[in-house]
Amino acid sequence: MSVTIHLEDDALVMTFKSPWTWDEYQQIEADIERLFHLAAEDVDLIIDLRDAGNMPESVLARLRDAYADGTDNLRQYIFVGAQPSFVEAFKTADRYYTALGGRLKYTFVDSMDEARLTAMLAL
């Protein structure tokens, strides 16, 4: 499967490997929800995009809708290896989301080591 999720310490790690499909993503949605509920405390969502290929714009709405509003224990998004076009699109979407009263905490990093350090420092 090209989209996976697992719990690692105080973070959920979602990995996208190209080629991937929305059907594959939807197959793990129940696992994502289950892992968020299993976490005893707040967790970070590390999204590994290093091998994801081009991300469709609709990924922004899906991530926001799935986690930002309905997951009380999501501490922050940590995006690993995001392409510049994704970073810009995400920041634009965040400005709109914030204007509507939403709040997302996120950061962009280059490596999984940096992501783990960022998650550890947030504790």
N, C-alpha and C. Protein backbone atom coordinates (compact mmCIF):
# COMPACT_ATOMS: atom_id res chain seq x y z
N MET A 1 0.84 -1.17 0.00
CA MET A 1 0.00 0.00 0.00
C MET A 1 0.89 1.24 0.00
N SER A 2 0.47 2.24 -0.73
CA SER A 2 1.29 3.44 -0.89
C SER A 2 0.99 4.53 0.11
N VAL A 3 -0.02 4.34 0.95
CA VAL A 3 -0.32 5.27 2.03
C VAL A 3 -0.41 4.45 3.30
N THR A 4 0.42 4.78 4.29
CA THR A 4 0.43 4.01 5.53
C THR A 4 0.38 4.95 6.73
N ILE A 5 -0.01 4.38 7.86
CA ILE A 5 -0.05 5.14 9.12
C ILE A 5 0.39 4.21 10.24
N HIS A 6 1.17 4.75 11.17
CA HIS A 6 1.51 3.98 12.37
C HIS A 6 1.82 4.95 13.52
N LEU A 7 1.72 4.43 14.72
CA LEU A 7 2.00 5.21 15.91
C LEU A 7 3.46 5.00 16.29
N GLU A 8 4.14 6.11 16.53
CA GLU A 8 5.57 6.07 16.87
C GLU A 8 5.79 7.03 18.03
N ASP A 9 6.00 6.51 19.21
CA ASP A 9 6.15 7.34 20.41
C ASP A 9 4.94 8.25 20.57
N ASP A 10 5.13 9.56 20.56
CA ASP A 10 4.03 10.50 20.72
C ASP A 10 3.62 11.13 19.40
N ALA A 11 3.73 10.38 18.32
CA ALA A 11 3.36 10.90 17.01
C ALA A 11 2.74 9.81 16.15
N LEU A 12 1.81 10.22 15.32
CA LEU A 12 1.33 9.36 14.26
C LEU A 12 2.15 9.70 13.03
N VAL A 13 2.60 8.68 12.32
CA VAL A 13 3.40 8.91 11.12
C VAL A 13 2.63 8.38 9.92
N MET A 14 2.25 9.30 9.04
CA MET A 14 1.56 8.95 7.80
C MET A 14 2.56 9.10 6.66
N THR A 15 2.68 8.07 5.85
CA THR A 15 3.66 8.08 4.76
C THR A 15 2.94 7.90 3.42
N PHE A 16 3.27 8.77 2.49
CA PHE A 16 2.76 8.67 1.12
C PHE A 16 3.92 8.28 0.21
N LYS A 17 3.72 7.23 -0.59
CA LYS A 17 4.73 6.83 -1.57
C LYS A 17 4.07 6.78 -2.94
N SER A 18 4.65 7.48 -3.89
CA SER A 18 4.12 7.54 -5.24
C SER A 18 4.33 6.21 -5.95
N PRO A 19 3.39 5.77 -6.74
CA PRO A 19 2.08 6.36 -6.94
C PRO A 19 1.12 5.92 -5.83
N TRP A 20 0.24 6.81 -5.43
CA TRP A 20 -0.78 6.48 -4.44
C TRP A 20 -2.12 7.01 -4.94
N THR A 21 -3.19 6.49 -4.36
CA THR A 21 -4.53 6.89 -4.78
C THR A 21 -5.36 7.27 -3.56
N TRP A 22 -6.45 8.00 -3.81
CA TRP A 22 -7.36 8.34 -2.72
C TRP A 22 -8.02 7.09 -2.15
N ASP A 23 -8.21 6.08 -2.98
CA ASP A 23 -8.77 4.82 -2.47
C ASP A 23 -7.85 4.21 -1.41
N GLU A 24 -6.55 4.26 -1.65
CA GLU A 24 -5.59 3.74 -0.66
C GLU A 24 -5.65 4.57 0.62
N TYR A 25 -5.76 5.87 0.47
CA TYR A 25 -5.87 6.74 1.63
C TYR A 25 -7.14 6.39 2.42
N GLN A 26 -8.25 6.24 1.73
CA GLN A 26 -9.51 5.94 2.40
C GLN A 26 -9.46 4.59 3.12
N GLN A 27 -8.65 3.67 2.64
CA GLN A 27 -8.53 2.36 3.29
C GLN A 27 -7.89 2.47 4.68
N ILE A 28 -7.12 3.53 4.94
CA ILE A 28 -6.49 3.66 6.25
C ILE A 28 -7.18 4.69 7.14
N GLU A 29 -8.24 5.33 6.65
CA GLU A 29 -8.92 6.35 7.46
C GLU A 29 -9.39 5.81 8.81
N ALA A 30 -9.93 4.61 8.84
CA ALA A 30 -10.37 4.02 10.11
C ALA A 30 -9.18 3.79 11.03
N ASP A 31 -8.04 3.39 10.47
CA ASP A 31 -6.82 3.20 11.27
C ASP A 31 -6.34 4.52 11.86
N ILE A 32 -6.43 5.58 11.07
CA ILE A 32 -6.01 6.91 11.54
C ILE A 32 -6.86 7.31 12.75
N GLU A 33 -8.17 7.18 12.61
CA GLU A 33 -9.07 7.54 13.70
C GLU A 33 -8.80 6.68 14.93
N ARG A 34 -8.62 5.40 14.72
CA ARG A 34 -8.36 4.48 15.83
C ARG A 34 -7.06 4.85 16.55
N LEU A 35 -6.02 5.17 15.80
CA LEU A 35 -4.74 5.52 16.42
C LEU A 35 -4.83 6.85 17.18
N PHE A 36 -5.57 7.81 16.66
CA PHE A 36 -5.76 9.06 17.40
C PHE A 36 -6.45 8.77 18.73
N HIS A 37 -7.44 7.89 18.72
CA HIS A 37 -8.17 7.58 19.95
C HIS A 37 -7.35 6.73 20.91
N LEU A 38 -6.43 5.92 20.39
CA LEU A 38 -5.57 5.11 21.25
C LEU A 38 -4.54 5.94 22.00
N ALA A 39 -4.16 7.05 21.40
CA ALA A 39 -3.14 7.90 22.03
C ALA A 39 -3.69 8.47 23.34
N ALA A 40 -2.94 8.27 24.40
CA ALA A 40 -3.39 8.71 25.73
C ALA A 40 -3.35 10.23 25.87
N GLU A 41 -2.45 10.85 25.14
CA GLU A 41 -2.27 12.30 25.25
C GLU A 41 -2.23 12.91 23.85
N ASP A 42 -1.91 14.18 23.79
CA ASP A 42 -1.79 14.86 22.50
C ASP A 42 -0.69 14.23 21.67
N VAL A 43 -0.92 14.16 20.37
CA VAL A 43 0.06 13.58 19.46
C VAL A 43 0.27 14.52 18.27
N ASP A 44 1.43 14.42 17.69
CA ASP A 44 1.73 15.13 16.46
C ASP A 44 1.39 14.22 15.30
N LEU A 45 1.03 14.80 14.18
CA LEU A 45 0.82 14.04 12.96
C LEU A 45 1.96 14.38 12.01
N ILE A 46 2.89 13.43 11.88
CA ILE A 46 4.01 13.58 10.96
C ILE A 46 3.57 13.03 9.61
N ILE A 47 3.61 13.86 8.59
CA ILE A 47 3.18 13.46 7.26
C ILE A 47 4.41 13.46 6.37
N ASP A 48 4.87 12.26 6.03
CA ASP A 48 6.08 12.07 5.25
C ASP A 48 5.74 12.13 3.76
N LEU A 49 6.15 13.22 3.13
CA LEU A 49 5.86 13.46 1.72
C LEU A 49 7.09 13.32 0.83
N ARG A 50 8.19 12.84 1.38
CA ARG A 50 9.44 12.80 0.62
C ARG A 50 9.32 12.01 -0.67
N ASP A 51 8.53 10.95 -0.67
CA ASP A 51 8.38 10.11 -1.87
C ASP A 51 6.96 10.12 -2.40
N ALA A 52 6.21 11.18 -2.09
CA ALA A 52 4.79 11.23 -2.44
C ALA A 52 4.52 11.60 -3.89
N GLY A 53 5.48 12.22 -4.54
CA GLY A 53 5.19 12.75 -5.87
C GLY A 53 4.38 14.03 -5.73
N ASN A 54 3.72 14.44 -6.79
CA ASN A 54 2.90 15.64 -6.74
C ASN A 54 1.64 15.37 -5.94
N MET A 55 1.35 16.25 -5.00
CA MET A 55 0.15 16.11 -4.18
C MET A 55 -0.98 16.90 -4.82
N PRO A 56 -2.15 16.28 -4.96
CA PRO A 56 -3.29 17.03 -5.51
C PRO A 56 -3.74 18.09 -4.51
N GLU A 57 -4.28 19.20 -5.03
CA GLU A 57 -4.73 20.27 -4.14
C GLU A 57 -5.78 19.80 -3.16
N SER A 58 -6.58 18.82 -3.54
CA SER A 58 -7.65 18.35 -2.67
C SER A 58 -7.13 17.72 -1.38
N VAL A 59 -5.83 17.41 -1.32
CA VAL A 59 -5.27 16.84 -0.10
C VAL A 59 -5.38 17.83 1.05
N LEU A 60 -5.31 19.11 0.78
CA LEU A 60 -5.39 20.11 1.84
C LEU A 60 -6.75 20.06 2.53
N ALA A 61 -7.80 20.03 1.75
CA ALA A 61 -9.15 19.98 2.33
C ALA A 61 -9.36 18.67 3.08
N ARG A 62 -8.87 17.58 2.54
CA ARG A 62 -9.06 16.29 3.20
C ARG A 62 -8.32 16.23 4.53
N LEU A 63 -7.11 16.72 4.59
CA LEU A 63 -6.38 16.71 5.85
C LEU A 63 -7.04 17.62 6.88
N ARG A 64 -7.43 18.81 6.45
CA ARG A 64 -8.08 19.75 7.36
C ARG A 64 -9.39 19.17 7.88
N ASP A 65 -10.20 18.68 6.99
CA ASP A 65 -11.51 18.16 7.39
C ASP A 65 -11.39 16.94 8.28
N ALA A 66 -10.41 16.11 8.01
CA ALA A 66 -10.29 14.86 8.75
C ALA A 66 -9.74 15.05 10.15
N TYR A 67 -8.84 16.00 10.36
CA TYR A 67 -8.12 16.05 11.63
C TYR A 67 -8.26 17.35 12.40
N ALA A 68 -8.21 18.48 11.74
CA ALA A 68 -8.15 19.75 12.46
C ALA A 68 -9.39 20.01 13.29
N ASP A 69 -10.55 19.69 12.77
CA ASP A 69 -11.78 20.00 13.48
C ASP A 69 -12.24 18.87 14.40
N GLY A 70 -11.95 17.64 14.05
CA GLY A 70 -12.52 16.53 14.77
C GLY A 70 -11.59 15.76 15.69
N THR A 71 -10.36 16.22 15.82
CA THR A 71 -9.39 15.49 16.61
C THR A 71 -8.85 16.39 17.71
N ASP A 72 -9.35 16.18 18.90
CA ASP A 72 -8.98 17.04 20.02
C ASP A 72 -7.52 16.89 20.44
N ASN A 73 -6.94 15.73 20.17
CA ASN A 73 -5.58 15.48 20.66
C ASN A 73 -4.50 15.66 19.58
N LEU A 74 -4.83 16.36 18.50
CA LEU A 74 -3.82 16.67 17.48
C LEU A 74 -3.06 17.92 17.93
N ARG A 75 -1.77 17.73 18.24
CA ARG A 75 -0.94 18.84 18.69
C ARG A 75 -0.51 19.70 17.51
N GLN A 76 0.03 19.07 16.47
CA GLN A 76 0.50 19.82 15.31
C GLN A 76 0.74 18.88 14.14
N TYR A 77 0.72 19.47 12.95
CA TYR A 77 1.13 18.77 11.74
C TYR A 77 2.62 19.02 11.55
N ILE A 78 3.36 17.98 11.20
CA ILE A 78 4.77 18.13 10.83
C ILE A 78 4.91 17.49 9.46
N PHE A 79 5.14 18.32 8.46
CA PHE A 79 5.28 17.84 7.08
C PHE A 79 6.75 17.62 6.77
N VAL A 80 7.08 16.45 6.26
CA VAL A 80 8.45 16.10 5.94
C VAL A 80 8.62 16.07 4.42
N GLY A 81 9.58 16.86 3.93
CA GLY A 81 9.94 16.80 2.52
C GLY A 81 8.88 17.28 1.55
N ALA A 82 8.08 18.25 1.97
CA ALA A 82 7.02 18.78 1.10
C ALA A 82 7.63 19.59 -0.03
N GLN A 83 7.04 19.45 -1.20
CA GLN A 83 7.48 20.24 -2.35
C GLN A 83 7.07 21.70 -2.15
N PRO A 84 7.84 22.65 -2.69
CA PRO A 84 7.53 24.07 -2.51
C PRO A 84 6.10 24.44 -2.92
N SER A 85 5.58 23.83 -3.97
CA SER A 85 4.22 24.15 -4.40
C SER A 85 3.19 23.72 -3.35
N PHE A 86 3.44 22.60 -2.67
CA PHE A 86 2.55 22.15 -1.61
C PHE A 86 2.63 23.09 -0.41
N VAL A 87 3.85 23.51 -0.07
CA VAL A 87 4.04 24.43 1.06
C VAL A 87 3.25 25.71 0.82
N GLU A 88 3.37 26.28 -0.36
CA GLU A 88 2.66 27.52 -0.68
C GLU A 88 1.15 27.31 -0.65
N ALA A 89 0.68 26.22 -1.24
CA ALA A 89 -0.76 25.93 -1.24
C ALA A 89 -1.27 25.74 0.19
N PHE A 90 -0.50 25.06 1.02
CA PHE A 90 -0.92 24.83 2.40
C PHE A 90 -0.99 26.14 3.17
N LYS A 91 0.01 26.99 3.00
CA LYS A 91 0.02 28.27 3.71
C LYS A 91 -1.14 29.16 3.26
N THR A 92 -1.47 29.11 1.98
CA THR A 92 -2.62 29.87 1.47
C THR A 92 -3.91 29.34 2.08
N ALA A 93 -4.07 28.02 2.09
CA ALA A 93 -5.26 27.42 2.68
C ALA A 93 -5.36 27.75 4.17
N ASP A 94 -4.23 27.77 4.85
CA ASP A 94 -4.22 28.08 6.28
C ASP A 94 -4.69 29.51 6.53
N ARG A 95 -4.31 30.44 5.67
CA ARG A 95 -4.76 31.83 5.84
C ARG A 95 -6.28 31.91 5.75
N TYR A 96 -6.87 31.20 4.81
CA TYR A 96 -8.33 31.19 4.70
C TYR A 96 -8.96 30.51 5.91
N TYR A 97 -8.40 29.40 6.30
CA TYR A 97 -8.93 28.65 7.44
C TYR A 97 -8.88 29.50 8.71
N THR A 98 -7.78 30.22 8.91
CA THR A 98 -7.62 31.09 10.08
C THR A 98 -8.63 32.24 10.03
N ALA A 99 -8.85 32.81 8.85
CA ALA A 99 -9.82 33.90 8.71
C ALA A 99 -11.22 33.45 9.07
N LEU A 100 -11.51 32.15 8.90
CA LEU A 100 -12.82 31.60 9.23
C LEU A 100 -12.90 31.15 10.69
N GLY A 101 -11.84 31.40 11.44
CA GLY A 101 -11.86 31.06 12.86
C GLY A 101 -11.15 29.77 13.22
N GLY A 102 -10.58 29.10 12.25
CA GLY A 102 -9.86 27.86 12.52
C GLY A 102 -8.45 28.14 12.99
N ARG A 103 -7.80 27.10 13.47
CA ARG A 103 -6.42 27.26 13.92
C ARG A 103 -5.66 25.98 13.64
N LEU A 104 -4.60 26.09 12.89
CA LEU A 104 -3.74 24.95 12.62
C LEU A 104 -2.34 25.27 13.11
N LYS A 105 -1.73 24.31 13.77
CA LYS A 105 -0.33 24.46 14.13
C LYS A 105 0.42 23.47 13.25
N TYR A 106 1.44 23.98 12.56
CA TYR A 106 2.17 23.12 11.62
C TYR A 106 3.58 23.64 11.42
N THR A 107 4.40 22.74 10.90
CA THR A 107 5.76 23.11 10.52
C THR A 107 6.18 22.22 9.36
N PHE A 108 7.14 22.70 8.60
CA PHE A 108 7.70 21.96 7.48
C PHE A 108 9.16 21.67 7.78
N VAL A 109 9.57 20.42 7.62
CA VAL A 109 10.95 20.01 7.87
C VAL A 109 11.44 19.17 6.70
N ASP A 110 12.75 18.93 6.67
CA ASP A 110 13.35 18.20 5.55
C ASP A 110 13.55 16.72 5.79
N SER A 111 13.65 16.30 7.06
CA SER A 111 13.98 14.89 7.33
C SER A 111 13.13 14.33 8.46
N MET A 112 13.08 13.02 8.54
CA MET A 112 12.35 12.37 9.64
C MET A 112 13.04 12.65 10.97
N ASP A 113 14.36 12.73 10.98
CA ASP A 113 15.06 13.07 12.23
C ASP A 113 14.62 14.44 12.73
N GLU A 114 14.53 15.39 11.83
CA GLU A 114 14.09 16.73 12.20
C GLU A 114 12.63 16.72 12.67
N ALA A 115 11.81 15.89 12.03
CA ALA A 115 10.40 15.77 12.44
C ALA A 115 10.29 15.20 13.85
N ARG A 116 11.06 14.16 14.13
CA ARG A 116 11.02 13.55 15.47
C ARG A 116 11.51 14.53 16.54
N LEU A 117 12.53 15.30 16.22
CA LEU A 117 13.04 16.30 17.14
C LEU A 117 11.98 17.39 17.39
N THR A 118 11.33 17.83 16.33
CA THR A 118 10.27 18.83 16.46
C THR A 118 9.14 18.31 17.33
N ALA A 119 8.76 17.06 17.14
CA ALA A 119 7.71 16.46 17.96
C ALA A 119 8.15 16.35 19.43
N MET A 120 9.39 15.95 19.64
CA MET A 120 9.89 15.79 20.99
C MET A 120 9.95 17.14 21.71
N LEU A 121 10.33 18.20 21.01
CA LEU A 121 10.43 19.52 21.63
C LEU A 121 9.05 20.11 21.96
N ALA A 122 8.01 19.59 21.30
CA ALA A 122 6.66 20.10 21.55
C ALA A 122 6.05 19.52 22.83
N LEU A 123 6.69 18.50 23.39
CA LEU A 123 6.14 17.86 24.59
C LEU A 123 6.20 18.77 25.80
